[in-house]
Protein backbone atom coordinates (compact mmCIF):
# COMPACT_ATOMS: atom_id res chain seq x y z
CA MET A 1 8.23 26.50 -1.41
CA ASN A 2 6.74 26.07 -4.72
CA GLU A 3 5.28 22.46 -5.08
CA THR A 4 5.05 21.61 -8.65
CA ARG A 5 4.86 17.69 -8.07
CA GLU A 6 1.55 16.32 -9.18
CA LYS A 7 -0.40 14.44 -6.60
CA LYS A 8 1.00 10.83 -5.98
CA THR A 9 -1.72 8.19 -6.16
CA ILE A 10 -1.82 5.40 -3.67
CA LEU A 11 -4.14 2.17 -3.80
CA VAL A 12 -5.41 1.06 -0.48
CA ILE A 13 -6.65 -2.41 -0.16
CA GLU A 14 -8.02 -2.92 3.58
CA ASP A 15 -11.25 -4.86 4.35
CA ASP A 16 -11.85 -3.31 7.92
CA PRO A 17 -13.86 -0.06 7.48
CA ASP A 18 -12.58 1.74 10.39
CA VAL A 19 -8.84 1.43 9.33
CA LEU A 20 -9.69 2.04 6.13
CA SER A 21 -11.53 5.23 6.78
CA MET A 22 -8.51 6.32 9.16
CA ILE A 23 -5.95 5.73 6.26
CA ILE A 24 -8.04 7.65 3.68
CA LYS A 25 -8.26 10.66 5.90
CA HIS A 26 -4.70 10.57 6.83
CA LEU A 27 -3.47 10.28 3.25
CA GLU A 28 -6.00 12.78 1.70
CA PHE A 29 -4.85 15.25 4.52
CA ILE A 30 -1.34 14.77 3.54
CA LYS A 31 -2.20 15.39 -0.26
CA TYR A 32 -2.24 11.93 -1.76
CA GLU A 33 -4.83 10.80 -4.23
CA VAL A 34 -6.43 7.72 -2.61
CA ILE A 35 -8.18 5.01 -4.48
CA THR A 36 -9.61 1.99 -2.34
CA ALA A 37 -10.44 -1.57 -2.59
CA THR A 38 -11.89 -3.79 0.05
CA ASP A 39 -10.71 -7.12 -0.95
CA GLY A 40 -7.73 -8.42 -2.90
CA LEU A 41 -9.71 -9.38 -6.05
CA GLU A 42 -11.05 -5.74 -6.31
CA GLY A 43 -7.44 -4.58 -5.53
CA LEU A 44 -6.09 -6.70 -8.54
CA LYS A 45 -8.78 -5.19 -10.58
CA LYS A 46 -7.82 -1.79 -9.76
CA LEU A 47 -4.11 -2.48 -10.40
CA GLU A 48 -4.62 -3.52 -13.88
CA SER A 49 -5.79 -0.04 -14.72
CA GLY A 50 -2.17 1.03 -13.71
CA GLY A 51 -1.09 4.63 -12.72
CA TYR A 52 -0.25 4.03 -8.84
CA ASP A 53 2.80 5.51 -7.08
CA LEU A 54 2.41 3.07 -4.17
CA VAL A 55 0.24 0.29 -2.78
CA ILE A 56 -0.80 -0.22 0.80
CA THR A 57 -2.52 -3.55 1.47
CA ASP A 58 -3.83 -5.59 4.52
CA ILE A 59 -2.41 -8.87 4.37
CA VAL A 60 -5.57 -10.82 5.71
CA ILE A 61 -8.40 -9.84 3.34
CA PRO A 62 -11.03 -11.57 1.45
CA TYR A 63 -10.74 -13.58 -1.78
CA VAL A 64 -7.09 -12.95 -2.64
CA SER A 65 -4.68 -12.43 0.09
CA GLY A 66 -2.56 -9.40 0.53
CA VAL A 67 0.18 -11.81 0.10
CA GLY A 68 -1.22 -12.86 -3.34
CA VAL A 69 -1.64 -9.23 -4.11
CA VAL A 70 1.98 -8.19 -3.42
CA SER A 71 2.99 -11.46 -5.48
CA ALA A 72 0.93 -10.37 -8.62
CA LEU A 73 1.85 -6.87 -8.13
CA LYS A 74 5.75 -7.40 -7.92
CA GLU A 75 5.33 -9.78 -10.70
CA LYS A 76 4.06 -7.12 -13.11
CA SER A 77 5.28 -3.80 -11.93
CA PRO A 78 8.27 -4.66 -9.51
CA GLU A 79 8.91 -0.59 -9.31
CA ILE A 80 5.74 -0.10 -7.43
CA PRO A 81 6.71 0.15 -3.65
CA VAL A 82 4.17 -1.94 -1.49
CA ILE A 83 3.45 -1.55 2.20
CA ALA A 84 1.95 -4.66 3.82
CA ILE A 85 -0.26 -4.17 6.96
CA THR A 86 -0.91 -7.10 9.37
CA GLY A 87 -2.69 -7.42 12.67
CA TYR A 88 -1.52 -11.29 12.99
CA GLY A 89 2.06 -11.32 13.75
CA LYS A 90 5.00 -13.18 12.32
CA GLU A 91 3.71 -15.75 9.79
CA PRO A 92 1.80 -13.38 7.46
CA GLU A 93 4.67 -10.90 7.71
CA ALA A 94 7.33 -13.46 6.62
CA ALA A 95 4.98 -14.59 3.86
CA ALA A 96 4.70 -10.66 2.53
CA MET A 97 8.42 -10.15 2.90
CA GLU A 98 8.94 -13.38 0.96
CA LYS A 99 6.73 -12.25 -1.77
CA LYS A 100 8.80 -8.88 -1.94
CA ALA A 101 6.60 -6.25 0.05
CA ASP A 102 9.02 -3.21 0.54
CA LEU A 103 7.62 -2.87 4.26
CA VAL A 104 5.43 -4.90 6.56
CA LEU A 105 3.85 -2.97 9.36
CA ALA A 106 2.10 -4.25 12.35
CA LYS A 107 -1.46 -2.95 13.18
CA PRO A 108 -2.07 -0.60 14.60
CA VAL A 109 -0.26 1.56 12.23
CA LYS A 110 0.77 4.87 13.52
CA MET A 111 -0.12 7.38 10.85
CA ALA A 112 2.94 9.60 11.43
CA ARG A 113 5.12 6.51 10.77
CA LEU A 114 3.14 5.61 7.82
CA LYS A 115 3.67 8.98 6.25
CA GLU A 116 7.52 8.77 6.86
CA TYR A 117 7.57 5.27 5.02
CA ILE A 118 5.50 6.43 2.38
CA GLU A 119 7.67 9.33 1.75
CA LYS A 120 10.99 7.32 1.73
CA LEU A 121 9.62 4.67 -0.49
CA LEU A 122 8.35 7.42 -3.14
CA SER A 123 11.42 9.19 -2.88
CA LYS A 124 13.60 6.15 -3.46
CA ARG A 125 11.43 5.16 -6.38
CA GLU A 126 11.84 8.46 -7.90
CA SER A 127 15.69 8.54 -7.45
CA ASN A 128 15.85 5.00 -9.22
CA SER A 129 13.72 6.02 -12.34
């Protein structure tokens, strides 16, 4: 199979270094370009430069919460899919969904499922554009 598509770029916002490292390794292994931020403020700054195909954000992160990131991103670029990740149960999950996250996953996230979700969201975005 001849793959001509360019690498998709994913912004990952996560303050836990172990979780961040696991996600980076997995996404790079499946051939995505990964840009990272360790708090919401840094994530929002990186989003200003644009060029992201998808964003994965933890919900509970320093300075600006993941919910704040989702809200700001969807206001500016509603076409960019967002996966929100939480280890804190239903309340942050409900807040993230309300702010239009495309998907909310509970920690620990299974990498095989994450890969499926990313592919689904990216192909849905491509078919809409």
